[in-house]
Amino acid sequence: MGKVLGMDAKLYRNTGTYAAPNWDEVTNVKDLTLNLEKGKADVTTRANDGWRANAGALKEASVEFDMVWDTSDADFTAIQEAYFDNTSIEFLVLDGDVAVAGNQGLRATMDVMSFTRNEALEEALTVSVKIEPTYADNAPDWYTAT
């Protein structure tokens, strides 16, 4: 695949169902960060000769991104409403277009955990969004486009 530029990565919102997704590209996105981490379980024993030993435990994910404040943008409105209405949205965070086989990323039903408006004096009004996986019928999955 070679190198991938951040501007070529894609964020999608599912406007269909899990079984029959309709991936709507969220284009009103500036910088985006996909955070993937694991909790850790202490598995230290005396056999570790004074060294702490850990094993990976529960996985965690969050996605943070900025959007231009645009109330006429359907994706912006859907994310804003999900925040205020406490509803979930299924997202796909890919390293490229969903129609290109081999592109990869996280697919998960997420809650909007943060929706922070930024009002810099010499910048466009923006919103910083943080989304995280939530309780859903389908667990988060590492998705590969086919």
C-alpha atoms as a PDB file:
ATOM      1  CA  MET A   1       0.000   0.000   0.000  1.00  0.00           C
ATOM      2  CA  GLY A   2       2.811   2.445   0.727  1.00  0.00           C
ATOM      3  CA  LYS A   3       2.395   5.689   2.568  1.00  0.00           C
ATOM      4  CA  VAL A   4      -1.000   7.152   3.369  1.00  0.00           C
ATOM      5  CA  LEU A   5      -1.603  10.849   3.924  1.00  0.00           C
ATOM      6  CA  GLY A   6      -4.004  11.961   6.632  1.00  0.00           C
ATOM      7  CA  MET A   7      -6.007  13.953   4.098  1.00  0.00           C
ATOM      8  CA  ASP A   8      -6.772  10.701   2.251  1.00  0.00           C
ATOM      9  CA  ALA A   9      -8.238   8.963   5.315  1.00  0.00           C
ATOM     10  CA  LYS A  10     -12.028   8.895   5.663  1.00  0.00           C
ATOM     11  CA  LEU A  11     -14.652   9.078   8.408  1.00  0.00           C
ATOM     12  CA  TYR A  12     -18.003   7.501   7.588  1.00  0.00           C
ATOM     13  CA  ARG A  13     -21.390   7.560   9.324  1.00  0.00           C
ATOM     14  CA  ASN A  14     -23.754   4.636   8.747  1.00  0.00           C
ATOM     15  CA  THR A  15     -27.166   5.868   7.637  1.00  0.00           C
ATOM     16  CA  GLY A  16     -28.370   2.309   6.976  1.00  0.00           C
ATOM     17  CA  THR A  17     -28.382  -0.747   9.225  1.00  0.00           C
ATOM     18  CA  TYR A  18     -25.511  -2.842  10.528  1.00  0.00           C
ATOM     19  CA  ALA A  19     -26.348  -5.685   8.121  1.00  0.00           C
ATOM     20  CA  ALA A  20     -26.863  -3.332   5.160  1.00  0.00           C
ATOM     21  CA  PRO A  21     -24.723  -0.275   5.856  1.00  0.00           C
ATOM     22  CA  ASN A  22     -24.954   2.930   3.841  1.00  0.00           C
ATOM     23  CA  TRP A  23     -21.621   4.638   4.453  1.00  0.00           C
ATOM     24  CA  ASP A  24     -22.013   8.429   4.265  1.00  0.00           C
ATOM     25  CA  GLU A  25     -18.601  10.138   4.171  1.00  0.00           C
ATOM     26  CA  VAL A  26     -18.304  12.858   6.813  1.00  0.00           C
ATOM     27  CA  THR A  27     -16.334  15.445   4.837  1.00  0.00           C
ATOM     28  CA  ASN A  28     -16.565  18.308   7.350  1.00  0.00           C
ATOM     29  CA  VAL A  29     -13.609  16.917   9.320  1.00  0.00           C
ATOM     30  CA  LYS A  30     -10.306  18.624   9.956  1.00  0.00           C
ATOM     31  CA  ASP A  31      -7.722  16.747  12.015  1.00  0.00           C
ATOM     32  CA  LEU A  32      -8.779  13.329  13.322  1.00  0.00           C
ATOM     33  CA  THR A  33      -7.116  11.032  15.841  1.00  0.00           C
ATOM     34  CA  LEU A  34      -8.033   7.363  16.313  1.00  0.00           C
ATOM     35  CA  ASN A  35      -6.896   6.332  19.792  1.00  0.00           C
ATOM     36  CA  LEU A  36      -6.511   2.583  20.391  1.00  0.00           C
ATOM     37  CA  GLU A  37      -5.299   1.381  23.785  1.00  0.00           C
ATOM     38  CA  LYS A  38      -5.471  -1.637  26.050  1.00  0.00           C
ATOM     39  CA  GLY A  39      -5.973  -1.826  29.753  1.00  0.00           C
ATOM     40  CA  LYS A  40      -3.483  -3.977  31.582  1.00  0.00           C
ATOM     41  CA  ALA A  41      -3.683  -6.787  34.067  1.00  0.00           C
ATOM     42  CA  ASP A  42      -0.852  -7.297  36.535  1.00  0.00           C
ATOM     43  CA  VAL A  43       0.580 -10.812  36.074  1.00  0.00           C
ATOM     44  CA  THR A  44       3.698 -10.264  38.156  1.00  0.00           C
ATOM     45  CA  THR A  45       5.045 -13.276  40.005  1.00  0.00           C
ATOM     46  CA  ARG A  46       8.147 -13.967  42.016  1.00  0.00           C
ATOM     47  CA  ALA A  47       9.578 -15.673  38.926  1.00  0.00           C
ATOM     48  CA  ASN A  48       9.830 -12.222  37.254  1.00  0.00           C
ATOM     49  CA  ASP A  49      12.955 -11.568  39.350  1.00  0.00           C
ATOM     50  CA  GLY A  50      11.782  -8.162  40.563  1.00  0.00           C
ATOM     51  CA  TRP A  51      10.221  -7.053  37.284  1.00  0.00           C
ATOM     52  CA  ARG A  52       6.547  -6.114  36.971  1.00  0.00           C
ATOM     53  CA  ALA A  53       4.774  -8.104  34.268  1.00  0.00           C
ATOM     54  CA  ASN A  54       1.572  -7.029  32.539  1.00  0.00           C
ATOM     55  CA  ALA A  55      -0.827  -8.639  30.116  1.00  0.00           C
ATOM     56  CA  GLY A  56      -3.078  -6.761  27.719  1.00  0.00           C
ATOM     57  CA  ALA A  57      -6.669  -6.652  28.923  1.00  0.00           C
ATOM     58  CA  LEU A  58      -9.732  -4.761  27.654  1.00  0.00           C
ATOM     59  CA  LYS A  59      -9.295  -2.712  24.497  1.00  0.00           C
ATOM     60  CA  GLU A  60     -10.373   0.926  24.422  1.00  0.00           C
ATOM     61  CA  ALA A  61     -10.996   3.253  21.518  1.00  0.00           C
ATOM     62  CA  SER A  62     -11.853   6.873  21.037  1.00  0.00           C
ATOM     63  CA  VAL A  63     -11.961   9.125  18.015  1.00  0.00           C
ATOM     64  CA  GLU A  64     -11.327  12.843  18.299  1.00  0.00           C
ATOM     65  CA  PHE A  65     -11.844  15.300  15.449  1.00  0.00           C
ATOM     66  CA  ASP A  66     -12.702  18.891  14.652  1.00  0.00           C
ATOM     67  CA  MET A  67     -15.514  20.100  12.409  1.00  0.00           C
ATOM     68  CA  VAL A  68     -16.381  23.534  11.070  1.00  0.00           C
ATOM     69  CA  TRP A  69     -19.521  24.770  12.844  1.00  0.00           C
ATOM     70  CA  ASP A  70     -22.040  24.339   9.999  1.00  0.00           C
ATOM     71  CA  THR A  71     -25.636  23.730  11.044  1.00  0.00           C
ATOM     72  CA  SER A  72     -26.651  23.188   7.393  1.00  0.00           C
ATOM     73  CA  ASP A  73     -24.317  20.146   7.164  1.00  0.00           C
ATOM     74  CA  ALA A  74     -26.299  16.915   7.659  1.00  0.00           C
ATOM     75  CA  ASP A  75     -23.369  15.094   9.287  1.00  0.00           C
ATOM     76  CA  PHE A  76     -22.717  17.977  11.682  1.00  0.00           C
ATOM     77  CA  THR A  77     -26.415  18.042  12.605  1.00  0.00           C
ATOM     78  CA  ALA A  78     -26.557  14.251  13.109  1.00  0.00           C
ATOM     79  CA  ILE A  79     -23.544  14.362  15.453  1.00  0.00           C
ATOM     80  CA  GLN A  80     -24.889  17.391  17.320  1.00  0.00           C
ATOM     81  CA  GLU A  81     -28.299  15.728  17.763  1.00  0.00           C
ATOM     82  CA  ALA A  82     -26.678  12.454  18.882  1.00  0.00           C
ATOM     83  CA  TYR A  83     -24.854  14.398  21.598  1.00  0.00           C
ATOM     84  CA  PHE A  84     -27.918  16.251  22.884  1.00  0.00           C
ATOM     85  CA  ASP A  85     -30.377  13.337  22.443  1.00  0.00           C
ATOM     86  CA  ASN A  86     -28.023  10.693  23.935  1.00  0.00           C
ATOM     87  CA  THR A  87     -28.293   8.517  20.842  1.00  0.00           C
ATOM     88  CA  SER A  88     -25.639   6.389  19.155  1.00  0.00           C
ATOM     89  CA  ILE A  89     -24.229   6.430  15.628  1.00  0.00           C
ATOM     90  CA  GLU A  90     -22.248   3.732  13.863  1.00  0.00           C
ATOM     91  CA  PHE A  91     -18.969   5.070  12.465  1.00  0.00           C
ATOM     92  CA  LEU A  92     -16.224   3.699  10.251  1.00  0.00           C
ATOM     93  CA  VAL A  93     -12.770   5.285  10.589  1.00  0.00           C
ATOM     94  CA  LEU A  94     -10.760   4.179   7.538  1.00  0.00           C
ATOM     95  CA  ASP A  95      -7.329   4.860   6.110  1.00  0.00           C
ATOM     96  CA  GLY A  96      -8.922   5.447   2.705  1.00  0.00           C
ATOM     97  CA  ASP A  97     -12.089   5.075   0.667  1.00  0.00           C
ATOM     98  CA  VAL A  98     -14.571   2.379   1.765  1.00  0.00           C
ATOM     99  CA  ALA A  99     -14.927   1.303  -1.879  1.00  0.00           C
ATOM    100  CA  VAL A 100     -11.221   0.408  -2.165  1.00  0.00           C
ATOM    101  CA  ALA A 101     -10.407  -3.161  -1.135  1.00  0.00           C
ATOM    102  CA  GLY A 102      -7.810  -3.451   1.592  1.00  0.00           C
ATOM    103  CA  ASN A 103      -8.454  -0.134   3.344  1.00  0.00           C
ATOM    104  CA  GLN A 104      -8.704  -0.653   7.096  1.00  0.00           C
ATOM    105  CA  GLY A 105     -10.049   0.950  10.218  1.00  0.00           C
ATOM    106  CA  LEU A 106     -12.357   0.769  13.191  1.00  0.00           C
ATOM    107  CA  ARG A 107     -16.083   0.066  12.783  1.00  0.00           C
ATOM    108  CA  ALA A 108     -18.126   0.719  15.917  1.00  0.00           C
ATOM    109  CA  THR A 109     -21.381   2.056  17.261  1.00  0.00           C
ATOM    110  CA  MET A 110     -20.401   5.118  19.252  1.00  0.00           C
ATOM    111  CA  ASP A 111     -21.740   7.749  21.574  1.00  0.00           C
ATOM    112  CA  VAL A 112     -20.747  11.391  21.218  1.00  0.00           C
ATOM    113  CA  MET A 113     -18.933  12.011  24.494  1.00  0.00           C
ATOM    114  CA  SER A 114     -17.753  15.563  23.843  1.00  0.00           C
ATOM    115  CA  PHE A 115     -19.071  18.326  21.613  1.00  0.00           C
ATOM    116  CA  THR A 116     -16.993  21.399  22.429  1.00  0.00           C
ATOM    117  CA  ARG A 117     -17.428  24.652  20.498  1.00  0.00           C
ATOM    118  CA  ASN A 118     -14.228  26.578  19.790  1.00  0.00           C
ATOM    119  CA  GLU A 119     -14.426  30.321  19.138  1.00  0.00           C
ATOM    120  CA  ALA A 120     -10.907  31.423  18.182  1.00  0.00           C
ATOM    121  CA  LEU A 121     -10.776  35.131  17.322  1.00  0.00           C
ATOM    122  CA  GLU A 122      -9.266  34.737  13.843  1.00  0.00           C
ATOM    123  CA  GLU A 123     -10.524  31.287  12.912  1.00  0.00           C
ATOM    124  CA  ALA A 124     -13.773  29.737  11.772  1.00  0.00           C
ATOM    125  CA  LEU A 125     -16.087  28.618  14.534  1.00  0.00           C
ATOM    126  CA  THR A 126     -15.390  24.903  15.063  1.00  0.00           C
ATOM    127  CA  VAL A 127     -16.468  22.051  17.267  1.00  0.00           C
ATOM    128  CA  SER A 128     -14.178  19.434  18.797  1.00  0.00           C
ATOM    129  CA  VAL A 129     -15.881  16.040  18.911  1.00  0.00           C
ATOM    130  CA  LYS A 130     -14.962  12.925  20.856  1.00  0.00           C
ATOM    131  CA  ILE A 131     -16.746   9.645  20.163  1.00  0.00           C
ATOM    132  CA  GLU A 132     -16.333   6.300  21.928  1.00  0.00           C
ATOM    133  CA  PRO A 133     -17.761   2.802  21.440  1.00  0.00           C
ATOM    134  CA  THR A 134     -20.944   2.149  23.379  1.00  0.00           C
ATOM    135  CA  TYR A 135     -23.297  -0.687  24.268  1.00  0.00           C
ATOM    136  CA  ALA A 136     -24.621  -2.151  21.012  1.00  0.00           C
ATOM    137  CA  ASP A 137     -25.695  -5.406  19.374  1.00  0.00           C
ATOM    138  CA  ASN A 138     -22.350  -5.585  17.563  1.00  0.00           C
ATOM    139  CA  ALA A 139     -18.944  -5.182  19.200  1.00  0.00           C
ATOM    140  CA  PRO A 140     -16.340  -2.832  17.725  1.00  0.00           C
ATOM    141  CA  ASP A 141     -14.470  -4.484  14.877  1.00  0.00           C
ATOM    142  CA  TRP A 142     -11.285  -3.908  12.879  1.00  0.00           C
ATOM    143  CA  TYR A 143     -12.789  -3.575   9.406  1.00  0.00           C
ATOM    144  CA  THR A 144     -11.125  -4.281   6.084  1.00  0.00           C
ATOM    145  CA  ALA A 145     -12.858  -3.049   2.930  1.00  0.00           C
ATOM    146  CA  THR A 146     -13.552  -5.727   0.335  1.00  0.00           C
END
